[in-house]
Amino acid sequence: DGRGRWWYASRSGPLTILHLNADQSLAAGSAQAAWLAAAVAGVDRALTPWLAVALHRPLYSDNPMKEEARITGEIREGIERILVAGSVDVVFSGHLHAYQRTCAAAKGACFGGGGAARSPSLPSPPPGVTPPVHILAGGGGFRSALTAWADAPPWVAAEARAYGVGDLSVTRTRLELSVVSPVTGEVLDGLVLTKEEGWGAPDPAVAGAW
């Protein structure tokens, strides 16, 4: 399953997580991208209706450092089409020491969820196709810079400039994330995704063509 190359799959109840190594190539045609495409296609969504991807570096971040933006863009260019075609629900990342949540994002725009009012006009995805929500949860240690909220990109739905602890709860029809301050107990952000029992993933060929 790729463990010798440091990318692999794990399962927890109704959730499959595909773990990637962001310090090895994720470019289109790379061994890791090829593994990801095969792994996404091989997940039994009747058994685990929820599918997440986890990697150290984010695909979406508004950190103003040019080098960070370059690397983020390269990763997004390499694997975003695979994530959309495979109906991945959530992407978890860290690296930057902040919390940020996107809308259902692809191609640098929103296609569902908060932030959509700020999105540029792009063709909507085919029926049933929803891009993943990206969760950047790197709140410990150093505090990384984020763009001022008023100037945030259209795909930013929520952010917290504070340390937080995530609590993820998943059933067959509901995925819920709460991010809580370990200092005050305040809920900094939350996400709820739902799907019907018996949900079927859209045709990957249709989603991938978009």
C-alpha atoms as a PDB file:
ATOM      1  CA  ASP A   1       0.000   0.000   0.000  1.00  0.00           C
ATOM      2  CA  GLY A   2       2.934   2.390  -0.431  1.00  0.00           C
ATOM      3  CA  ARG A   3       4.269   2.364   3.135  1.00  0.00           C
ATOM      4  CA  GLY A   4       7.866   1.985   1.977  1.00  0.00           C
ATOM      5  CA  ARG A   5       7.494   5.298   0.110  1.00  0.00           C
ATOM      6  CA  TRP A   6       5.756   7.043   3.028  1.00  0.00           C
ATOM      7  CA  TRP A   7       2.321   7.334   1.487  1.00  0.00           C
ATOM      8  CA  TYR A   8      -0.393   4.946   2.544  1.00  0.00           C
ATOM      9  CA  ALA A   9      -4.084   4.422   3.355  1.00  0.00           C
ATOM     10  CA  SER A  10      -5.787   3.945   6.714  1.00  0.00           C
ATOM     11  CA  ARG A  11      -9.383   3.393   7.734  1.00  0.00           C
ATOM     12  CA  SER A  12     -11.346   4.462  10.794  1.00  0.00           C
ATOM     13  CA  GLY A  13     -14.970   3.324  10.753  1.00  0.00           C
ATOM     14  CA  PRO A  14     -16.748   4.973   7.794  1.00  0.00           C
ATOM     15  CA  LEU A  15     -13.716   7.126   6.937  1.00  0.00           C
ATOM     16  CA  THR A  16     -10.763   6.290   4.687  1.00  0.00           C
ATOM     17  CA  ILE A  17      -7.728   8.574   4.947  1.00  0.00           C
ATOM     18  CA  LEU A  18      -5.046   8.661   2.255  1.00  0.00           C
ATOM     19  CA  HIS A  19      -1.776   9.916   3.762  1.00  0.00           C
ATOM     20  CA  LEU A  20       0.660  11.673   1.421  1.00  0.00           C
ATOM     21  CA  ASN A  21       4.259  12.839   1.738  1.00  0.00           C
ATOM     22  CA  ALA A  22       4.361  16.502   0.747  1.00  0.00           C
ATOM     23  CA  ASP A  23       8.175  16.454   0.779  1.00  0.00           C
ATOM     24  CA  GLN A  24       8.274  14.069  -2.169  1.00  0.00           C
ATOM     25  CA  SER A  25       6.993  14.896  -5.633  1.00  0.00           C
ATOM     26  CA  LEU A  26       3.247  15.199  -6.127  1.00  0.00           C
ATOM     27  CA  ALA A  27       3.602  16.445  -9.687  1.00  0.00           C
ATOM     28  CA  ALA A  28       1.385  14.939 -12.354  1.00  0.00           C
ATOM     29  CA  GLY A  29       2.974  11.689 -13.479  1.00  0.00           C
ATOM     30  CA  SER A  30       4.986  11.207 -10.291  1.00  0.00           C
ATOM     31  CA  ALA A  31       4.916   7.867  -8.485  1.00  0.00           C
ATOM     32  CA  GLN A  32       3.028   9.393  -5.573  1.00  0.00           C
ATOM     33  CA  ALA A  33       0.393  11.067  -7.760  1.00  0.00           C
ATOM     34  CA  ALA A  34      -0.108   7.787  -9.619  1.00  0.00           C
ATOM     35  CA  TRP A  35      -0.538   5.961  -6.311  1.00  0.00           C
ATOM     36  CA  LEU A  36      -3.036   8.577  -5.134  1.00  0.00           C
ATOM     37  CA  ALA A  37      -5.137   8.239  -8.288  1.00  0.00           C
ATOM     38  CA  ALA A  38      -5.218   4.455  -7.929  1.00  0.00           C
ATOM     39  CA  ALA A  39      -5.934   4.620  -4.192  1.00  0.00           C
ATOM     40  CA  VAL A  40      -8.811   7.074  -4.628  1.00  0.00           C
ATOM     41  CA  ALA A  41     -10.333   4.914  -7.355  1.00  0.00           C
ATOM     42  CA  GLY A  42      -9.944   1.808  -5.186  1.00  0.00           C
ATOM     43  CA  VAL A  43     -11.817   3.043  -2.113  1.00  0.00           C
ATOM     44  CA  ASP A  44     -15.091   1.198  -1.528  1.00  0.00           C
ATOM     45  CA  ARG A  45     -17.436   4.109  -0.858  1.00  0.00           C
ATOM     46  CA  ALA A  46     -20.209   1.732   0.172  1.00  0.00           C
ATOM     47  CA  LEU A  47     -17.948   0.591   3.019  1.00  0.00           C
ATOM     48  CA  THR A  48     -16.380   3.976   3.818  1.00  0.00           C
ATOM     49  CA  PRO A  49     -18.554   6.740   2.345  1.00  0.00           C
ATOM     50  CA  TRP A  50     -16.188   9.453   3.606  1.00  0.00           C
ATOM     51  CA  LEU A  51     -12.793   9.990   2.001  1.00  0.00           C
ATOM     52  CA  ALA A  52     -10.100  12.348   3.285  1.00  0.00           C
ATOM     53  CA  VAL A  53      -6.546  13.135   2.248  1.00  0.00           C
ATOM     54  CA  ALA A  54      -3.893  14.194   4.769  1.00  0.00           C
ATOM     55  CA  LEU A  55      -0.518  15.766   4.022  1.00  0.00           C
ATOM     56  CA  HIS A  56       1.889  18.143   5.708  1.00  0.00           C
ATOM     57  CA  ARG A  57       1.728  21.036   3.235  1.00  0.00           C
ATOM     58  CA  PRO A  58      -1.570  22.650   2.202  1.00  0.00           C
ATOM     59  CA  LEU A  59      -3.068  22.944  -1.266  1.00  0.00           C
ATOM     60  CA  TYR A  60      -4.687  26.238  -0.251  1.00  0.00           C
ATOM     61  CA  SER A  61      -3.120  28.897   1.958  1.00  0.00           C
ATOM     62  CA  ASP A  62      -3.013  32.677   1.827  1.00  0.00           C
ATOM     63  CA  ASN A  63       0.332  32.949   3.588  1.00  0.00           C
ATOM     64  CA  PRO A  64       1.979  35.957   1.859  1.00  0.00           C
ATOM     65  CA  MET A  65       5.454  34.388   1.489  1.00  0.00           C
ATOM     66  CA  LYS A  66       6.199  33.851  -2.214  1.00  0.00           C
ATOM     67  CA  GLU A  67       8.038  30.560  -1.700  1.00  0.00           C
ATOM     68  CA  GLU A  68       5.119  29.111   0.246  1.00  0.00           C
ATOM     69  CA  ALA A  69       2.722  30.228  -2.490  1.00  0.00           C
ATOM     70  CA  ARG A  70       4.897  28.595  -5.138  1.00  0.00           C
ATOM     71  CA  ILE A  71       5.038  25.226  -3.370  1.00  0.00           C
ATOM     72  CA  THR A  72       1.326  25.299  -2.547  1.00  0.00           C
ATOM     73  CA  GLY A  73       0.513  26.030  -6.179  1.00  0.00           C
ATOM     74  CA  GLU A  74       2.690  23.173  -7.417  1.00  0.00           C
ATOM     75  CA  ILE A  75       0.998  20.656  -5.136  1.00  0.00           C
ATOM     76  CA  ARG A  76      -2.441  21.900  -6.160  1.00  0.00           C
ATOM     77  CA  GLU A  77      -1.501  21.669  -9.825  1.00  0.00           C
ATOM     78  CA  GLY A  78      -0.286  18.106  -9.342  1.00  0.00           C
ATOM     79  CA  ILE A  79      -3.184  16.502  -7.494  1.00  0.00           C
ATOM     80  CA  GLU A  80      -6.287  18.718  -7.336  1.00  0.00           C
ATOM     81  CA  ARG A  81      -7.875  17.088 -10.387  1.00  0.00           C
ATOM     82  CA  ILE A  82      -7.421  13.665  -8.739  1.00  0.00           C
ATOM     83  CA  LEU A  83      -9.139  14.871  -5.566  1.00  0.00           C
ATOM     84  CA  VAL A  84     -12.114  16.303  -7.449  1.00  0.00           C
ATOM     85  CA  ALA A  85     -12.448  13.308  -9.770  1.00  0.00           C
ATOM     86  CA  GLY A  86     -12.364  10.971  -6.768  1.00  0.00           C
ATOM     87  CA  SER A  87     -14.962  12.921  -4.761  1.00  0.00           C
ATOM     88  CA  VAL A  88     -12.585  13.468  -1.835  1.00  0.00           C
ATOM     89  CA  ASP A  89     -14.555  15.149   0.957  1.00  0.00           C
ATOM     90  CA  VAL A  90     -11.869  16.829   3.087  1.00  0.00           C
ATOM     91  CA  VAL A  91      -8.153  17.583   2.815  1.00  0.00           C
ATOM     92  CA  PHE A  92      -6.258  18.007   6.094  1.00  0.00           C
ATOM     93  CA  SER A  93      -2.883  19.767   6.194  1.00  0.00           C
ATOM     94  CA  GLY A  94      -0.589  21.707   8.483  1.00  0.00           C
ATOM     95  CA  HIS A  95       2.887  23.235   7.931  1.00  0.00           C
ATOM     96  CA  LEU A  96       1.719  26.822   8.456  1.00  0.00           C
ATOM     97  CA  HIS A  97       1.067  27.631  12.101  1.00  0.00           C
ATOM     98  CA  ALA A  98      -2.480  28.892  11.792  1.00  0.00           C
ATOM     99  CA  TYR A  99      -6.004  27.580  11.287  1.00  0.00           C
ATOM    100  CA  GLN A 100      -7.839  28.119   8.031  1.00  0.00           C
ATOM    101  CA  ARG A 101     -10.846  26.444   6.393  1.00  0.00           C
ATOM    102  CA  THR A 102     -11.859  26.798   2.771  1.00  0.00           C
ATOM    103  CA  CYS A 103     -15.219  26.481   1.136  1.00  0.00           C
ATOM    104  CA  ALA A 104     -15.612  23.492  -1.200  1.00  0.00           C
ATOM    105  CA  ALA A 105     -12.726  24.736  -3.332  1.00  0.00           C
ATOM    106  CA  ALA A 106     -11.210  23.969  -6.706  1.00  0.00           C
ATOM    107  CA  LYS A 107      -9.456  26.021  -9.363  1.00  0.00           C
ATOM    108  CA  GLY A 108      -8.985  28.781  -6.809  1.00  0.00           C
ATOM    109  CA  ALA A 109     -12.720  29.365  -6.390  1.00  0.00           C
ATOM    110  CA  CYS A 110     -15.685  28.318  -4.225  1.00  0.00           C
ATOM    111  CA  PHE A 111     -18.311  25.812  -5.264  1.00  0.00           C
ATOM    112  CA  GLY A 112     -20.203  25.509  -2.008  1.00  0.00           C
ATOM    113  CA  GLY A 113     -19.845  26.627   1.591  1.00  0.00           C
ATOM    114  CA  GLY A 114     -18.891  29.968   3.092  1.00  0.00           C
ATOM    115  CA  GLY A 115     -16.979  32.432   0.995  1.00  0.00           C
ATOM    116  CA  ALA A 116     -18.885  31.704  -2.206  1.00  0.00           C
ATOM    117  CA  ALA A 117     -20.067  35.304  -2.524  1.00  0.00           C
ATOM    118  CA  ARG A 118     -16.456  36.370  -3.086  1.00  0.00           C
ATOM    119  CA  SER A 119     -15.717  33.778  -5.790  1.00  0.00           C
ATOM    120  CA  PRO A 120     -14.997  34.690  -9.387  1.00  0.00           C
ATOM    121  CA  SER A 121     -17.478  33.434 -11.963  1.00  0.00           C
ATOM    122  CA  LEU A 122     -16.437  29.980 -13.167  1.00  0.00           C
ATOM    123  CA  PRO A 123     -18.448  27.137 -14.710  1.00  0.00           C
ATOM    124  CA  SER A 124     -20.197  25.066 -12.053  1.00  0.00           C
ATOM    125  CA  PRO A 125     -19.122  21.448 -11.608  1.00  0.00           C
ATOM    126  CA  PRO A 126     -21.347  18.671 -13.007  1.00  0.00           C
ATOM    127  CA  PRO A 127     -24.331  17.551 -10.892  1.00  0.00           C
ATOM    128  CA  GLY A 128     -23.243  15.655  -7.803  1.00  0.00           C
ATOM    129  CA  VAL A 129     -19.620  16.816  -8.002  1.00  0.00           C
ATOM    130  CA  THR A 130     -18.477  18.806  -4.971  1.00  0.00           C
ATOM    131  CA  PRO A 131     -14.794  19.728  -4.526  1.00  0.00           C
ATOM    132  CA  PRO A 132     -13.204  19.037  -1.139  1.00  0.00           C
ATOM    133  CA  VAL A 133     -13.072  21.365   1.842  1.00  0.00           C
ATOM    134  CA  HIS A 134      -9.485  22.104   2.886  1.00  0.00           C
ATOM    135  CA  ILE A 135      -8.609  22.285   6.587  1.00  0.00           C
ATOM    136  CA  LEU A 136      -5.250  23.852   7.456  1.00  0.00           C
ATOM    137  CA  ALA A 137      -4.714  22.927  11.105  1.00  0.00           C
ATOM    138  CA  GLY A 138      -1.198  23.863  12.161  1.00  0.00           C
ATOM    139  CA  GLY A 139      -2.002  25.913  15.231  1.00  0.00           C
ATOM    140  CA  GLY A 140       0.856  24.859  17.532  1.00  0.00           C
ATOM    141  CA  GLY A 141       4.190  26.607  18.053  1.00  0.00           C
ATOM    142  CA  PHE A 142       5.149  29.520  15.821  1.00  0.00           C
ATOM    143  CA  ARG A 143       2.360  31.724  14.419  1.00  0.00           C
ATOM    144  CA  SER A 144       2.461  32.081  10.640  1.00  0.00           C
ATOM    145  CA  ALA A 145       1.268  35.169   8.819  1.00  0.00           C
ATOM    146  CA  LEU A 146      -2.069  35.212   7.002  1.00  0.00           C
ATOM    147  CA  THR A 147      -3.464  37.798   4.642  1.00  0.00           C
ATOM    148  CA  ALA A 148      -5.723  40.338   6.330  1.00  0.00           C
ATOM    149  CA  TRP A 149      -9.313  39.031   6.429  1.00  0.00           C
ATOM    150  CA  ALA A 150     -10.600  41.889   4.288  1.00  0.00           C
ATOM    151  CA  ASP A 151      -8.124  40.921   1.557  1.00  0.00           C
ATOM    152  CA  ALA A 152      -8.497  37.142   1.906  1.00  0.00           C
ATOM    153  CA  PRO A 153      -8.873  35.075  -1.282  1.00  0.00           C
ATOM    154  CA  PRO A 154     -12.401  34.041  -2.324  1.00  0.00           C
ATOM    155  CA  TRP A 155     -11.951  30.468  -1.114  1.00  0.00           C
ATOM    156  CA  VAL A 156     -11.313  31.389   2.542  1.00  0.00           C
ATOM    157  CA  ALA A 157     -14.388  30.505   4.605  1.00  0.00           C
ATOM    158  CA  ALA A 158     -12.966  30.752   8.131  1.00  0.00           C
ATOM    159  CA  GLU A 159      -9.708  31.282   9.959  1.00  0.00           C
ATOM    160  CA  ALA A 160      -8.417  31.566  13.501  1.00  0.00           C
ATOM    161  CA  ARG A 161      -5.219  33.276  14.561  1.00  0.00           C
ATOM    162  CA  ALA A 162      -5.026  31.206  17.720  1.00  0.00           C
ATOM    163  CA  TYR A 163      -3.990  27.745  18.854  1.00  0.00           C
ATOM    164  CA  GLY A 164      -6.711  25.126  18.583  1.00  0.00           C
ATOM    165  CA  VAL A 165      -7.494  21.451  19.023  1.00  0.00           C
ATOM    166  CA  GLY A 166      -9.630  19.629  16.459  1.00  0.00           C
ATOM    167  CA  ASP A 167     -12.341  17.118  17.367  1.00  0.00           C
ATOM    168  CA  LEU A 168     -13.494  15.033  14.393  1.00  0.00           C
ATOM    169  CA  SER A 169     -16.631  12.897  14.579  1.00  0.00           C
ATOM    170  CA  VAL A 170     -17.778  10.750  11.652  1.00  0.00           C
ATOM    171  CA  THR A 171     -20.831   8.579  11.041  1.00  0.00           C
ATOM    172  CA  ARG A 172     -21.952   7.104   7.746  1.00  0.00           C
ATOM    173  CA  THR A 173     -24.064  10.183   6.983  1.00  0.00           C
ATOM    174  CA  ARG A 174     -22.362  13.011   8.907  1.00  0.00           C
ATOM    175  CA  LEU A 175     -18.829  14.392   9.277  1.00  0.00           C
ATOM    176  CA  GLU A 176     -18.389  17.040  11.968  1.00  0.00           C
ATOM    177  CA  LEU A 177     -15.263  18.952  12.935  1.00  0.00           C
ATOM    178  CA  SER A 178     -15.010  21.295  15.920  1.00  0.00           C
ATOM    179  CA  VAL A 179     -11.896  23.384  16.532  1.00  0.00           C
ATOM    180  CA  VAL A 180     -11.619  24.443  20.170  1.00  0.00           C
ATOM    181  CA  SER A 181      -9.242  26.763  22.003  1.00  0.00           C
ATOM    182  CA  PRO A 182      -7.226  24.727  24.537  1.00  0.00           C
ATOM    183  CA  VAL A 183      -6.956  27.851  26.681  1.00  0.00           C
ATOM    184  CA  THR A 184     -10.522  29.139  26.869  1.00  0.00           C
ATOM    185  CA  GLY A 185     -12.603  26.222  25.580  1.00  0.00           C
ATOM    186  CA  GLU A 186     -14.132  28.540  22.988  1.00  0.00           C
ATOM    187  CA  VAL A 187     -15.221  26.904  19.730  1.00  0.00           C
ATOM    188  CA  LEU A 188     -13.120  28.679  17.105  1.00  0.00           C
ATOM    189  CA  ASP A 189     -14.704  27.061  14.075  1.00  0.00           C
ATOM    190  CA  GLY A 190     -16.881  24.169  13.017  1.00  0.00           C
ATOM    191  CA  LEU A 191     -17.679  22.181   9.898  1.00  0.00           C
ATOM    192  CA  VAL A 192     -20.572  19.817   9.225  1.00  0.00           C
ATOM    193  CA  LEU A 193     -20.856  17.770   6.035  1.00  0.00           C
ATOM    194  CA  THR A 194     -23.701  15.354   5.366  1.00  0.00           C
ATOM    195  CA  LYS A 195     -24.585  12.750   2.776  1.00  0.00           C
ATOM    196  CA  GLU A 196     -27.461  10.332   2.412  1.00  0.00           C
ATOM    197  CA  GLU A 197     -27.154   6.664   3.282  1.00  0.00           C
ATOM    198  CA  GLY A 198     -26.445   4.757   0.077  1.00  0.00           C
ATOM    199  CA  TRP A 199     -24.756   7.795  -1.477  1.00  0.00           C
ATOM    200  CA  GLY A 200     -22.869   6.981  -4.641  1.00  0.00           C
ATOM    201  CA  ALA A 201     -19.815   8.878  -5.858  1.00  0.00           C
ATOM    202  CA  PRO A 202     -20.213  10.621  -9.235  1.00  0.00           C
ATOM    203  CA  ASP A 203     -18.583   9.099 -12.296  1.00  0.00           C
ATOM    204  CA  PRO A 204     -14.835   9.918 -11.966  1.00  0.00           C
ATOM    205  CA  ALA A 205     -14.582  10.473 -15.720  1.00  0.00           C
ATOM    206  CA  VAL A 206     -17.253  13.173 -15.550  1.00  0.00           C
ATOM    207  CA  ALA A 207     -15.757  14.843 -12.479  1.00  0.00           C
ATOM    208  CA  GLY A 208     -12.219  14.640 -13.841  1.00  0.00           C
ATOM    209  CA  ALA A 209     -13.189  16.198 -17.151  1.00  0.00           C
ATOM    210  CA  TRP A 210     -14.448  19.264 -15.307  1.00  0.00           C
END
